């Protein structure tokens, strides 16, 4: 019936599936109040948690690889063998079998806490 949407740097949003409405987490909003009433009446099972995305191996490796300049410095100042060892440790940490995934996370605790405050 509802889905919690979380985005980095933004407050949680509530998505009402029945009519594709976006509901801000705002006590002054009538749709938000209805959401809390529905949770209180129907239970937390009517709310789906946010998506939890695990990036694939390419994204994870890219974020950990040193810059090209740092890699070249490593080769120049130490050796090609030392550079290979550094790169291999990153490749081993994020194997190609990690294809990434999306799962549904837990419903944030504030949903139940806010609905419990209602009379």
PDB file of N, CA and C in Angstrom:
ATOM      1  N   UNK A   1       0.814  -1.183   0.000  1.00  0.00           N
ATOM      2  CA  UNK A   1       0.000   0.000   0.000  1.00  0.00           C
ATOM      3  C   UNK A   1       0.875   1.271   0.000  1.00  0.00           C
ATOM      4  N   UNK A   2       1.974   1.256   0.815  1.00  0.00           N
ATOM      5  CA  UNK A   2       2.906   2.374   0.882  1.00  0.00           C
ATOM      6  C   UNK A   2       4.333   1.854   0.747  1.00  0.00           C
ATOM      7  N   UNK A   3       5.232   2.717   0.268  1.00  0.00           N
ATOM      8  CA  UNK A   3       6.652   2.383   0.194  1.00  0.00           C
ATOM      9  C   UNK A   3       7.448   3.591   0.667  1.00  0.00           C
ATOM     10  N   UNK A   4       8.445   3.330   1.505  1.00  0.00           N
ATOM     11  CA  UNK A   4       9.331   4.387   1.968  1.00  0.00           C
ATOM     12  C   UNK A   4      10.444   4.549   0.935  1.00  0.00           C
ATOM     13  N   UNK A   5      10.700   5.786   0.548  1.00  0.00           N
ATOM     14  CA  UNK A   5      11.752   6.100  -0.414  1.00  0.00           C
ATOM     15  C   UNK A   5      12.819   6.913   0.311  1.00  0.00           C
ATOM     16  N   UNK A   6      14.052   6.426   0.258  1.00  0.00           N
ATOM     17  CA  UNK A   6      15.164   7.138   0.886  1.00  0.00           C
ATOM     18  C   UNK A   6      16.181   7.502  -0.177  1.00  0.00           C
ATOM     19  N   UNK A   7      16.614   8.762  -0.138  1.00  0.00           N
ATOM     20  CA  UNK A   7      17.658   9.244  -1.027  1.00  0.00           C
ATOM     21  C   UNK A   7      18.664  10.001  -0.180  1.00  0.00           C
ATOM     22  N   UNK A   8      19.923   9.827  -0.488  1.00  0.00           N
ATOM     23  CA  UNK A   8      20.986  10.462   0.286  1.00  0.00           C
ATOM     24  C   UNK A   8      20.802  11.978   0.262  1.00  0.00           C
ATOM     25  N   UNK A   9      20.843  12.566   1.437  1.00  0.00           N
ATOM     26  CA  UNK A   9      20.739  14.016   1.562  1.00  0.00           C
ATOM     27  C   UNK A   9      19.330  14.566   1.562  1.00  0.00           C
ATOM     28  N   UNK A  10      18.329  13.706   1.418  1.00  0.00           N
ATOM     29  CA  UNK A  10      16.937  14.153   1.410  1.00  0.00           C
ATOM     30  C   UNK A  10      16.152  13.450   2.504  1.00  0.00           C
ATOM     31  N   UNK A  11      15.094  14.105   3.025  1.00  0.00           N
ATOM     32  CA  UNK A  11      14.264  13.428   4.028  1.00  0.00           C
ATOM     33  C   UNK A  11      13.495  12.265   3.393  1.00  0.00           C
ATOM     34  N   UNK A  12      13.104  11.319   4.219  1.00  0.00           N
ATOM     35  CA  UNK A  12      12.316  10.184   3.722  1.00  0.00           C
ATOM     36  C   UNK A  12      11.029  10.689   3.071  1.00  0.00           C
ATOM     37  N   UNK A  13      10.603   9.974   2.040  1.00  0.00           N
ATOM     38  CA  UNK A  13       9.340  10.240   1.362  1.00  0.00           C
ATOM     39  C   UNK A  13       8.495   8.977   1.452  1.00  0.00           C
ATOM     40  N   UNK A  14       7.202   9.157   1.374  1.00  0.00           N
ATOM     41  CA  UNK A  14       6.277   8.029   1.373  1.00  0.00           C
ATOM     42  C   UNK A  14       5.608   8.003   0.001  1.00  0.00           C
ATOM     43  N   UNK A  15       5.610   6.830  -0.606  1.00  0.00           N
ATOM     44  CA  UNK A  15       4.976   6.653  -1.911  1.00  0.00           C
ATOM     45  C   UNK A  15       3.722   5.816  -1.694  1.00  0.00           C
ATOM     46  N   UNK A  16       2.567   6.371  -2.050  1.00  0.00           N
ATOM     47  CA  UNK A  16       1.307   5.635  -1.929  1.00  0.00           C
ATOM     48  C   UNK A  16       1.068   4.933  -3.249  1.00  0.00           C
ATOM     49  N   UNK A  17       1.097   3.617  -3.229  1.00  0.00           N
ATOM     50  CA  UNK A  17       1.024   2.824  -4.450  1.00  0.00           C
ATOM     51  C   UNK A  17      -0.336   2.894  -5.146  1.00  0.00           C
ATOM     52  N   UNK A  18      -1.398   3.065  -4.390  1.00  0.00           N
ATOM     53  CA  UNK A  18      -2.740   3.021  -4.977  1.00  0.00           C
ATOM     54  C   UNK A  18      -2.967   4.114  -6.021  1.00  0.00           C
ATOM     55  N   UNK A  19      -2.396   5.294  -5.811  1.00  0.00           N
ATOM     56  CA  UNK A  19      -2.595   6.382  -6.760  1.00  0.00           C
ATOM     57  C   UNK A  19      -1.292   7.065  -7.175  1.00  0.00           C
ATOM     58  N   UNK A  20      -0.169   6.434  -6.879  1.00  0.00           N
ATOM     59  CA  UNK A  20       1.162   6.941  -7.235  1.00  0.00           C
ATOM     60  C   UNK A  20       1.443   8.327  -6.658  1.00  0.00           C
ATOM     61  N   UNK A  21       0.913   8.593  -5.468  1.00  0.00           N
ATOM     62  CA  UNK A  21       1.122   9.896  -4.830  1.00  0.00           C
ATOM     63  C   UNK A  21       2.382   9.870  -3.969  1.00  0.00           C
ATOM     64  N   UNK A  22       3.091  11.010  -3.957  1.00  0.00           N
ATOM     65  CA  UNK A  22       4.261  11.192  -3.112  1.00  0.00           C
ATOM     66  C   UNK A  22       3.830  12.002  -1.900  1.00  0.00           C
ATOM     67  N   UNK A  23       4.137  11.477  -0.709  1.00  0.00           N
ATOM     68  CA  UNK A  23       3.706  12.123   0.526  1.00  0.00           C
ATOM     69  C   UNK A  23       4.937  12.552   1.307  1.00  0.00           C
ATOM     70  N   UNK A  24       5.061  13.850   1.591  1.00  0.00           N
ATOM     71  CA  UNK A  24       6.205  14.287   2.389  1.00  0.00           C
ATOM     72  C   UNK A  24       6.005  13.915   3.860  1.00  0.00           C
ATOM     73  N   UNK A  25       7.096  13.711   4.546  1.00  0.00           N
ATOM     74  CA  UNK A  25       7.042  13.431   5.986  1.00  0.00           C
ATOM     75  C   UNK A  25       6.869  14.777   6.690  1.00  0.00           C
ATOM     76  N   UNK A  26       5.617  15.206   6.783  1.00  0.00           N
ATOM     77  CA  UNK A  26       5.284  16.523   7.304  1.00  0.00           C
ATOM     78  C   UNK A  26       4.002  16.415   8.120  1.00  0.00           C
ATOM     79  N   UNK A  27       4.094  16.684   9.420  1.00  0.00           N
ATOM     80  CA  UNK A  27       2.947  16.543  10.315  1.00  0.00           C
ATOM     81  C   UNK A  27       1.757  17.401   9.890  1.00  0.00           C
ATOM     82  N   UNK A  28       1.993  18.481   9.158  1.00  0.00           N
ATOM     83  CA  UNK A  28       0.916  19.351   8.708  1.00  0.00           C
ATOM     84  C   UNK A  28       0.239  18.882   7.429  1.00  0.00           C
ATOM     85  N   UNK A  29       0.720  17.805   6.833  1.00  0.00           N
ATOM     86  CA  UNK A  29       0.176  17.309   5.573  1.00  0.00           C
ATOM     87  C   UNK A  29      -0.922  16.276   5.861  1.00  0.00           C
ATOM     88  N   UNK A  30      -2.102  16.479   5.265  1.00  0.00           N
ATOM     89  CA  UNK A  30      -3.235  15.576   5.536  1.00  0.00           C
ATOM     90  C   UNK A  30      -2.974  14.152   5.024  1.00  0.00           C
ATOM     91  N   UNK A  31      -2.269  14.017   3.899  1.00  0.00           N
ATOM     92  CA  UNK A  31      -1.941  12.675   3.397  1.00  0.00           C
ATOM     93  C   UNK A  31      -0.992  11.949   4.346  1.00  0.00           C
ATOM     94  N   UNK A  32      -0.060  12.701   4.939  1.00  0.00           N
ATOM     95  CA  UNK A  32       0.865  12.106   5.919  1.00  0.00           C
ATOM     96  C   UNK A  32       0.075  11.640   7.150  1.00  0.00           C
ATOM     97  N   UNK A  33      -0.865  12.441   7.592  1.00  0.00           N
ATOM     98  CA  UNK A  33      -1.697  12.051   8.737  1.00  0.00           C
ATOM     99  C   UNK A  33      -2.519  10.801   8.413  1.00  0.00           C
ATOM    100  N   UNK A  34      -3.037  10.712   7.180  1.00  0.00           N
ATOM    101  CA  UNK A  34      -3.784   9.530   6.757  1.00  0.00           C
ATOM    102  C   UNK A  34      -2.870   8.309   6.725  1.00  0.00           C
ATOM    103  N   UNK A  35      -1.648   8.492   6.251  1.00  0.00           N
ATOM    104  CA  UNK A  35      -0.657   7.408   6.242  1.00  0.00           C
ATOM    105  C   UNK A  35      -0.459   6.864   7.655  1.00  0.00           C
ATOM    106  N   UNK A  36      -0.260   7.761   8.620  1.00  0.00           N
ATOM    107  CA  UNK A  36      -0.060   7.323  10.005  1.00  0.00           C
ATOM    108  C   UNK A  36      -1.298   6.616  10.542  1.00  0.00           C
ATOM    109  N   UNK A  37      -2.490   7.128  10.214  1.00  0.00           N
ATOM    110  CA  UNK A  37      -3.744   6.485  10.643  1.00  0.00           C
ATOM    111  C   UNK A  37      -3.848   5.079  10.050  1.00  0.00           C
ATOM    112  N   UNK A  38      -3.499   4.942   8.760  1.00  0.00           N
ATOM    113  CA  UNK A  38      -3.558   3.637   8.107  1.00  0.00           C
ATOM    114  C   UNK A  38      -2.592   2.648   8.778  1.00  0.00           C
ATOM    115  N   UNK A  39      -1.399   3.106   9.119  1.00  0.00           N
ATOM    116  CA  UNK A  39      -0.422   2.231   9.788  1.00  0.00           C
ATOM    117  C   UNK A  39      -0.940   1.828  11.158  1.00  0.00           C
ATOM    118  N   UNK A  40      -1.514   2.778  11.884  1.00  0.00           N
ATOM    119  CA  UNK A  40      -2.051   2.471  13.217  1.00  0.00           C
ATOM    120  C   UNK A  40      -3.181   1.447  13.127  1.00  0.00           C
ATOM    121  N   UNK A  41      -4.055   1.617  12.118  1.00  0.00           N
ATOM    122  CA  UNK A  41      -5.218   0.740  11.962  1.00  0.00           C
ATOM    123  C   UNK A  41      -4.848  -0.622  11.372  1.00  0.00           C
ATOM    124  N   UNK A  42      -4.062  -0.623  10.284  1.00  0.00           N
ATOM    125  CA  UNK A  42      -3.778  -1.852   9.536  1.00  0.00           C
ATOM    126  C   UNK A  42      -2.499  -2.572   9.978  1.00  0.00           C
ATOM    127  N   UNK A  43      -1.582  -1.828  10.582  1.00  0.00           N
ATOM    128  CA  UNK A  43      -0.317  -2.436  11.001  1.00  0.00           C
ATOM    129  C   UNK A  43       0.817  -2.079  10.049  1.00  0.00           C
ATOM    130  N   UNK A  44       2.024  -2.308  10.507  1.00  0.00           N
ATOM    131  CA  UNK A  44       3.238  -1.934   9.780  1.00  0.00           C
ATOM    132  C   UNK A  44       3.402  -2.724   8.476  1.00  0.00           C
ATOM    133  N   UNK A  45       2.692  -3.841   8.347  1.00  0.00           N
ATOM    134  CA  UNK A  45       2.829  -4.675   7.147  1.00  0.00           C
ATOM    135  C   UNK A  45       2.335  -4.002   5.868  1.00  0.00           C
ATOM    136  N   UNK A  46       1.609  -2.885   5.993  1.00  0.00           N
ATOM    137  CA  UNK A  46       1.149  -2.182   4.798  1.00  0.00           C
ATOM    138  C   UNK A  46       2.233  -1.252   4.242  1.00  0.00           C
ATOM    139  N   UNK A  47       3.380  -1.206   4.914  1.00  0.00           N
ATOM    140  CA  UNK A  47       4.470  -0.332   4.490  1.00  0.00           C
ATOM    141  C   UNK A  47       5.654  -1.191   4.042  1.00  0.00           C
ATOM    142  N   UNK A  48       6.166  -0.882   2.862  1.00  0.00           N
ATOM    143  CA  UNK A  48       7.345  -1.569   2.325  1.00  0.00           C
ATOM    144  C   UNK A  48       8.564  -0.693   2.597  1.00  0.00           C
ATOM    145  N   UNK A  49       9.628  -1.313   3.047  1.00  0.00           N
ATOM    146  CA  UNK A  49      10.852  -0.575   3.343  1.00  0.00           C
ATOM    147  C   UNK A  49      11.529  -0.046   2.091  1.00  0.00           C
ATOM    148  N   UNK A  50      12.553   0.765   2.283  1.00  0.00           N
ATOM    149  CA  UNK A  50      13.269   1.356   1.142  1.00  0.00           C
ATOM    150  C   UNK A  50      14.114   0.322   0.413  1.00  0.00           C
ATOM    151  N   UNK A  51      14.415   0.618  -0.834  1.00  0.00           N
ATOM    152  CA  UNK A  51      15.310  -0.246  -1.609  1.00  0.00           C
ATOM    153  C   UNK A  51      16.737  -0.112  -1.074  1.00  0.00           C
ATOM    154  N   UNK A  52      17.410  -1.241  -0.974  1.00  0.00           N
ATOM    155  CA  UNK A  52      18.811  -1.268  -0.581  1.00  0.00           C
ATOM    156  C   UNK A  52      19.582  -1.798  -1.785  1.00  0.00           C
ATOM    157  N   UNK A  53      20.423  -0.950  -2.356  1.00  0.00           N
ATOM    158  CA  UNK A  53      21.148  -1.291  -3.581  1.00  0.00           C
ATOM    159  C   UNK A  53      22.593  -1.629  -3.237  1.00  0.00           C
ATOM    160  N   UNK A  54      23.030  -2.793  -3.702  1.00  0.00           N
ATOM    161  CA  UNK A  54      24.428  -3.185  -3.598  1.00  0.00           C
ATOM    162  C   UNK A  54      25.029  -3.026  -4.979  1.00  0.00           C
ATOM    163  N   UNK A  55      26.026  -2.142  -5.114  1.00  0.00           N
ATOM    164  CA  UNK A  55      26.595  -1.917  -6.445  1.00  0.00           C
ATOM    165  C   UNK A  55      27.352  -3.132  -6.963  1.00  0.00           C
ATOM    166  N   UNK A  56      27.530  -3.197  -8.272  1.00  0.00           N
ATOM    167  CA  UNK A  56      28.265  -4.299  -8.871  1.00  0.00           C
ATOM    168  C   UNK A  56      29.769  -4.118  -8.652  1.00  0.00           C
ATOM    169  N   UNK A  57      30.535  -5.132  -9.027  1.00  0.00           N
ATOM    170  CA  UNK A  57      31.971  -5.139  -8.760  1.00  0.00           C
ATOM    171  C   UNK A  57      32.686  -3.973  -9.438  1.00  0.00           C
ATOM    172  N   UNK A  58      32.237  -3.581 -10.630  1.00  0.00           N
ATOM    173  CA  UNK A  58      32.905  -2.487 -11.348  1.00  0.00           C
ATOM    174  C   UNK A  58      32.822  -1.184 -10.556  1.00  0.00           C
ATOM    175  N   UNK A  59      31.640  -0.873 -10.082  1.00  0.00           N
ATOM    176  CA  UNK A  59      31.450   0.364  -9.316  1.00  0.00           C
ATOM    177  C   UNK A  59      32.262   0.347  -8.031  1.00  0.00           C
ATOM    178  N   UNK A  60      32.276  -0.797  -7.363  1.00  0.00           N
ATOM    179  CA  UNK A  60      33.016  -0.898  -6.112  1.00  0.00           C
ATOM    180  C   UNK A  60      34.517  -0.778  -6.345  1.00  0.00           C
ATOM    181  N   UNK A  61      35.009  -1.407  -7.393  1.00  0.00           N
ATOM    182  CA  UNK A  61      36.440  -1.325  -7.691  1.00  0.00           C
ATOM    183  C   UNK A  61      36.839   0.098  -8.049  1.00  0.00           C
ATOM    184  N   UNK A  62      36.068   0.741  -8.909  1.00  0.00           N
ATOM    185  CA  UNK A  62      36.387   2.102  -9.350  1.00  0.00           C
ATOM    186  C   UNK A  62      36.515   3.045  -8.159  1.00  0.00           C
ATOM    187  N   UNK A  63      35.640   2.880  -7.184  1.00  0.00           N
ATOM    188  CA  UNK A  63      35.685   3.782  -6.026  1.00  0.00           C
ATOM    189  C   UNK A  63      36.923   3.553  -5.161  1.00  0.00           C
ATOM    190  N   UNK A  64      37.546   2.386  -5.273  1.00  0.00           N
ATOM    191  CA  UNK A  64      38.721   2.086  -4.452  1.00  0.00           C
ATOM    192  C   UNK A  64      40.047   2.211  -5.178  1.00  0.00           C
ATOM    193  N   UNK A  65      40.028   2.147  -6.491  1.00  0.00           N
ATOM    194  CA  UNK A  65      41.291   2.280  -7.220  1.00  0.00           C
ATOM    195  C   UNK A  65      41.892   3.661  -6.978  1.00  0.00           C
ATOM    196  N   UNK A  66      43.206   3.735  -6.783  1.00  0.00           N
ATOM    197  CA  UNK A  66      43.850   5.051  -6.697  1.00  0.00           C
ATOM    198  C   UNK A  66      43.783   5.743  -8.063  1.00  0.00           C
ATOM    199  N   UNK A  67      44.014   7.038  -8.064  1.00  0.00           N
ATOM    200  CA  UNK A  67      44.024   7.767  -9.340  1.00  0.00           C
ATOM    201  C   UNK A  67      45.158   7.220 -10.210  1.00  0.00           C
ATOM    202  N   UNK A  68      45.074   7.463 -11.503  1.00  0.00           N
ATOM    203  CA  UNK A  68      46.122   7.015 -12.429  1.00  0.00           C
ATOM    204  C   UNK A  68      47.473   7.605 -12.021  1.00  0.00           C
ATOM    205  N   UNK A  69      47.477   8.880 -11.619  1.00  0.00           N
ATOM    206  CA  UNK A  69      48.728   9.515 -11.191  1.00  0.00           C
ATOM    207  C   UNK A  69      49.339   8.786 -10.003  1.00  0.00           C
ATOM    208  N   UNK A  70      48.510   8.442  -9.015  1.00  0.00           N
ATOM    209  CA  UNK A  70      49.004   7.717  -7.841  1.00  0.00           C
ATOM    210  C   UNK A  70      49.498   6.319  -8.217  1.00  0.00           C
ATOM    211  N   UNK A  71      48.804   5.681  -9.163  1.00  0.00           N
ATOM    212  CA  UNK A  71      49.247   4.351  -9.590  1.00  0.00           C
ATOM    213  C   UNK A  71      50.608   4.431 -10.293  1.00  0.00           C
ATOM    214  N   UNK A  72      50.777   5.434 -11.138  1.00  0.00           N
ATOM    215  CA  UNK A  72      52.064   5.594 -11.828  1.00  0.00           C
ATOM    216  C   UNK A  72      53.183   5.924 -10.833  1.00  0.00           C
ATOM    217  N   UNK A  73      52.884   6.759  -9.848  1.00  0.00           N
ATOM    218  CA  UNK A  73      53.878   7.054  -8.806  1.00  0.00           C
ATOM    219  C   UNK A  73      54.268   5.787  -8.062  1.00  0.00           C
ATOM    220  N   UNK A  74      53.287   4.946  -7.769  1.00  0.00           N
ATOM    221  CA  UNK A  74      53.557   3.684  -7.060  1.00  0.00           C
ATOM    222  C   UNK A  74      54.526   2.829  -7.883  1.00  0.00           C
ATOM    223  N   UNK A  75      54.260   2.719  -9.172  1.00  0.00           N
ATOM    224  CA  UNK A  75      55.130   1.921 -10.045  1.00  0.00           C
ATOM    225  C   UNK A  75      56.530   2.529 -10.092  1.00  0.00           C
ATOM    226  N   UNK A  76      56.616   3.841 -10.228  1.00  0.00           N
ATOM    227  CA  UNK A  76      57.919   4.509 -10.362  1.00  0.00           C
ATOM    228  C   UNK A  76      58.734   4.415  -9.065  1.00  0.00           C
ATOM    229  N   UNK A  77      58.074   4.671  -7.922  1.00  0.00           N
ATOM    230  CA  UNK A  77      58.801   4.743  -6.657  1.00  0.00           C
ATOM    231  C   UNK A  77      59.011   3.384  -5.989  1.00  0.00           C
ATOM    232  N   UNK A  78      58.179   2.425  -6.284  1.00  0.00           N
ATOM    233  CA  UNK A  78      58.365   1.092  -5.677  1.00  0.00           C
ATOM    234  C   UNK A  78      58.683   0.100  -6.787  1.00  0.00           C
ATOM    235  N   UNK A  79      57.644  -0.540  -7.287  1.00  0.00           N
ATOM    236  CA  UNK A  79      57.867  -1.492  -8.380  1.00  0.00           C
ATOM    237  C   UNK A  79      56.531  -1.879  -8.989  1.00  0.00           C
ATOM    238  N   UNK A  80      56.607  -2.479 -10.144  1.00  0.00           N
ATOM    239  CA  UNK A  80      55.412  -2.983 -10.794  1.00  0.00           C
ATOM    240  C   UNK A  80      54.774  -4.072  -9.942  1.00  0.00           C
ATOM    241  N   UNK A  81      55.590  -4.863  -9.281  1.00  0.00           N
ATOM    242  CA  UNK A  81      55.087  -5.942  -8.419  1.00  0.00           C
ATOM    243  C   UNK A  81      54.258  -5.377  -7.268  1.00  0.00           C
ATOM    244  N   UNK A  82      54.727  -4.296  -6.643  1.00  0.00           N
ATOM    245  CA  UNK A  82      53.979  -3.682  -5.535  1.00  0.00           C
ATOM    246  C   UNK A  82      52.644  -3.120  -6.036  1.00  0.00           C
ATOM    247  N   UNK A  83      52.672  -2.489  -7.207  1.00  0.00           N
ATOM    248  CA  UNK A  83      51.443  -1.957  -7.783  1.00  0.00           C
ATOM    249  C   UNK A  83      50.452  -3.084  -8.070  1.00  0.00           C
ATOM    250  N   UNK A  84      50.956  -4.167  -8.661  1.00  0.00           N
ATOM    251  CA  UNK A  84      50.087  -5.316  -8.963  1.00  0.00           C
ATOM    252  C   UNK A  84      49.455  -5.873  -7.696  1.00  0.00           C
ATOM    253  N   UNK A  85      50.208  -5.917  -6.615  1.00  0.00           N
ATOM    254  CA  UNK A  85      49.681  -6.435  -5.345  1.00  0.00           C
ATOM    255  C   UNK A  85      48.540  -5.550  -4.835  1.00  0.00           C
ATOM    256  N   UNK A  86      48.719  -4.230  -4.941  1.00  0.00           N
ATOM    257  CA  UNK A  86      47.655  -3.306  -4.510  1.00  0.00           C
ATOM    258  C   UNK A  86      46.390  -3.502  -5.339  1.00  0.00           C
ATOM    259  N   UNK A  87      46.546  -3.581  -6.640  1.00  0.00           N
ATOM    260  CA  UNK A  87      45.391  -3.739  -7.532  1.00  0.00           C
ATOM    261  C   UNK A  87      44.726  -5.097  -7.320  1.00  0.00           C
ATOM    262  N   UNK A  88      45.537  -6.131  -7.130  1.00  0.00           N
ATOM    263  CA  UNK A  88      44.987  -7.473  -6.907  1.00  0.00           C
ATOM    264  C   UNK A  88      44.154  -7.527  -5.623  1.00  0.00           C
ATOM    265  N   UNK A  89      44.593  -6.821  -4.583  1.00  0.00           N
ATOM    266  CA  UNK A  89      43.824  -6.843  -3.334  1.00  0.00           C
ATOM    267  C   UNK A  89      42.432  -6.242  -3.541  1.00  0.00           C
ATOM    268  N   UNK A  90      42.343  -5.205  -4.372  1.00  0.00           N
ATOM    269  CA  UNK A  90      41.032  -4.608  -4.670  1.00  0.00           C
ATOM    270  C   UNK A  90      40.199  -5.568  -5.517  1.00  0.00           C
ATOM    271  N   UNK A  91      40.808  -6.183  -6.503  1.00  0.00           N
ATOM    272  CA  UNK A  91      40.086  -7.143  -7.348  1.00  0.00           C
ATOM    273  C   UNK A  91      39.598  -8.349  -6.525  1.00  0.00           C
ATOM    274  N   UNK A  92      40.419  -8.799  -5.583  1.00  0.00           N
ATOM    275  CA  UNK A  92      40.014  -9.915  -4.723  1.00  0.00           C
ATOM    276  C   UNK A  92      38.871  -9.518  -3.784  1.00  0.00           C
ATOM    277  N   UNK A  93      38.901  -8.273  -3.332  1.00  0.00           N
ATOM    278  CA  UNK A  93      37.866  -7.783  -2.416  1.00  0.00           C
ATOM    279  C   UNK A  93      36.503  -7.710  -3.106  1.00  0.00           C
ATOM    280  N   UNK A  94      36.509  -7.358  -4.405  1.00  0.00           N
ATOM    281  CA  UNK A  94      35.275  -7.227  -5.181  1.00  0.00           C
ATOM    282  C   UNK A  94      35.357  -8.120  -6.414  1.00  0.00           C
ATOM    283  N   UNK A  95      35.071  -9.421  -6.256  1.00  0.00           N
ATOM    284  CA  UNK A  95      35.183 -10.345  -7.394  1.00  0.00           C
ATOM    285  C   UNK A  95      34.111 -10.082  -8.457  1.00  0.00           C
ATOM    286  N   UNK A  96      34.377 -10.569  -9.656  1.00  0.00           N
ATOM    287  CA  UNK A  96      33.442 -10.376 -10.769  1.00  0.00           C
ATOM    288  C   UNK A  96      32.101 -11.069 -10.536  1.00  0.00           C
ATOM    289  N   UNK A  97      32.056 -11.986  -9.614  1.00  0.00           N
ATOM    290  CA  UNK A  97      30.790 -12.662  -9.317  1.00  0.00           C
ATOM    291  C   UNK A  97      29.794 -11.734  -8.632  1.00  0.00           C
ATOM    292  N   UNK A  98      30.267 -10.591  -8.119  1.00  0.00           N
ATOM    293  CA  UNK A  98      29.378  -9.615  -7.492  1.00  0.00           C
ATOM    294  C   UNK A  98      28.724  -8.784  -8.583  1.00  0.00           C
ATOM    295  N   UNK A  99      27.521  -9.165  -8.965  1.00  0.00           N
ATOM    296  CA  UNK A  99      26.837  -8.495 -10.074  1.00  0.00           C
ATOM    297  C   UNK A  99      25.922  -7.373  -9.606  1.00  0.00           C
ATOM    298  N   UNK A 100      25.901  -7.099  -8.314  1.00  0.00           N
ATOM    299  CA  UNK A 100      25.027  -6.064  -7.783  1.00  0.00           C
ATOM    300  C   UNK A 100      23.632  -6.596  -7.550  1.00  0.00           C
ATOM    301  N   UNK A 101      22.887  -5.922  -6.699  1.00  0.00           N
ATOM    302  CA  UNK A 101      21.529  -6.362  -6.404  1.00  0.00           C
ATOM    303  C   UNK A 101      20.730  -5.236  -5.766  1.00  0.00           C
ATOM    304  N   UNK A 102      19.425  -5.425  -5.758  1.00  0.00           N
ATOM    305  CA  UNK A 102      18.513  -4.524  -5.075  1.00  0.00           C
ATOM    306  C   UNK A 102      17.593  -5.378  -4.215  1.00  0.00           C
ATOM    307  N   UNK A 103      17.503  -5.012  -2.942  1.00  0.00           N
ATOM    308  CA  UNK A 103      16.635  -5.727  -2.013  1.00  0.00           C
ATOM    309  C   UNK A 103      15.781  -4.698  -1.273  1.00  0.00           C
ATOM    310  N   UNK A 104      14.726  -5.173  -0.648  1.00  0.00           N
ATOM    311  CA  UNK A 104      13.869  -4.294   0.139  1.00  0.00           C
ATOM    312  C   UNK A 104      14.369  -4.320   1.578  1.00  0.00           C
ATOM    313  N   UNK A 105      14.648  -3.133   2.110  1.00  0.00           N
ATOM    314  CA  UNK A 105      15.144  -3.014   3.476  1.00  0.00           C
ATOM    315  C   UNK A 105      14.011  -2.990   4.493  1.00  0.00           C
ATOM    316  N   UNK A 106      14.387  -2.837   5.728  1.00  0.00           N
ATOM    317  CA  UNK A 106      13.416  -2.763   6.822  1.00  0.00           C
ATOM    318  C   UNK A 106      12.710  -1.411   6.804  1.00  0.00           C
ATOM    319  N   UNK A 107      11.495  -1.412   7.301  1.00  0.00           N
ATOM    320  CA  UNK A 107      10.750  -0.165   7.444  1.00  0.00           C
ATOM    321  C   UNK A 107      11.416   0.629   8.569  1.00  0.00           C
ATOM    322  N   UNK A 108      11.713   1.909   8.343  1.00  0.00           N
ATOM    323  CA  UNK A 108      12.351   2.712   9.391  1.00  0.00           C
ATOM    324  C   UNK A 108      11.499   2.756  10.661  1.00  0.00           C
ATOM    325  N   UNK A 109      12.161   2.798  11.797  1.00  0.00           N
ATOM    326  CA  UNK A 109      11.456   2.759  13.081  1.00  0.00           C
ATOM    327  C   UNK A 109      10.545   3.968  13.287  1.00  0.00           C
ATOM    328  N   UNK A 110      10.844   5.097  12.639  1.00  0.00           N
ATOM    329  CA  UNK A 110      10.016   6.284  12.843  1.00  0.00           C
ATOM    330  C   UNK A 110       8.577   6.057  12.406  1.00  0.00           C
ATOM    331  N   UNK A 111       8.339   5.144  11.466  1.00  0.00           N
ATOM    332  CA  UNK A 111       6.966   4.894  10.984  1.00  0.00           C
ATOM    333  C   UNK A 111       6.103   4.388  12.130  1.00  0.00           C
ATOM    334  N   UNK A 112       6.572   3.366  12.817  1.00  0.00           N
ATOM    335  CA  UNK A 112       5.815   2.812  13.941  1.00  0.00           C
ATOM    336  C   UNK A 112       5.747   3.806  15.092  1.00  0.00           C
ATOM    337  N   UNK A 113       6.851   4.467  15.385  1.00  0.00           N
ATOM    338  CA  UNK A 113       6.890   5.435  16.495  1.00  0.00           C
ATOM    339  C   UNK A 113       5.905   6.564  16.281  1.00  0.00           C
ATOM    340  N   UNK A 114       5.843   7.089  15.052  1.00  0.00           N
ATOM    341  CA  UNK A 114       4.925   8.200  14.766  1.00  0.00           C
ATOM    342  C   UNK A 114       3.463   7.746  14.810  1.00  0.00           C
ATOM    343  N   UNK A 115       3.190   6.558  14.282  1.00  0.00           N
ATOM    344  CA  UNK A 115       1.806   6.085  14.295  1.00  0.00           C
ATOM    345  C   UNK A 115       1.347   5.742  15.722  1.00  0.00           C
ATOM    346  N   UNK A 116       2.274   5.309  16.566  1.00  0.00           N
ATOM    347  CA  UNK A 116       1.930   4.995  17.957  1.00  0.00           C
ATOM    348  C   UNK A 116       1.567   6.246  18.758  1.00  0.00           C
ATOM    349  N   UNK A 117       1.997   7.406  18.313  1.00  0.00           N
ATOM    350  CA  UNK A 117       1.699   8.663  19.010  1.00  0.00           C
ATOM    351  C   UNK A 117       0.250   9.109  18.798  1.00  0.00           C
ATOM    352  N   UNK A 118      -0.406   8.560  17.763  1.00  0.00           N
ATOM    353  CA  UNK A 118      -1.786   8.964  17.475  1.00  0.00           C
ATOM    354  C   UNK A 118      -2.730   8.456  18.559  1.00  0.00           C
ATOM    355  N   UNK A 119      -3.785   9.221  18.793  1.00  0.00           N
ATOM    356  CA  UNK A 119      -4.777   8.776  19.807  1.00  0.00           C
ATOM    357  C   UNK A 119      -5.557   7.568  19.356  1.00  0.00           C
TER     358      UNK A 119
END
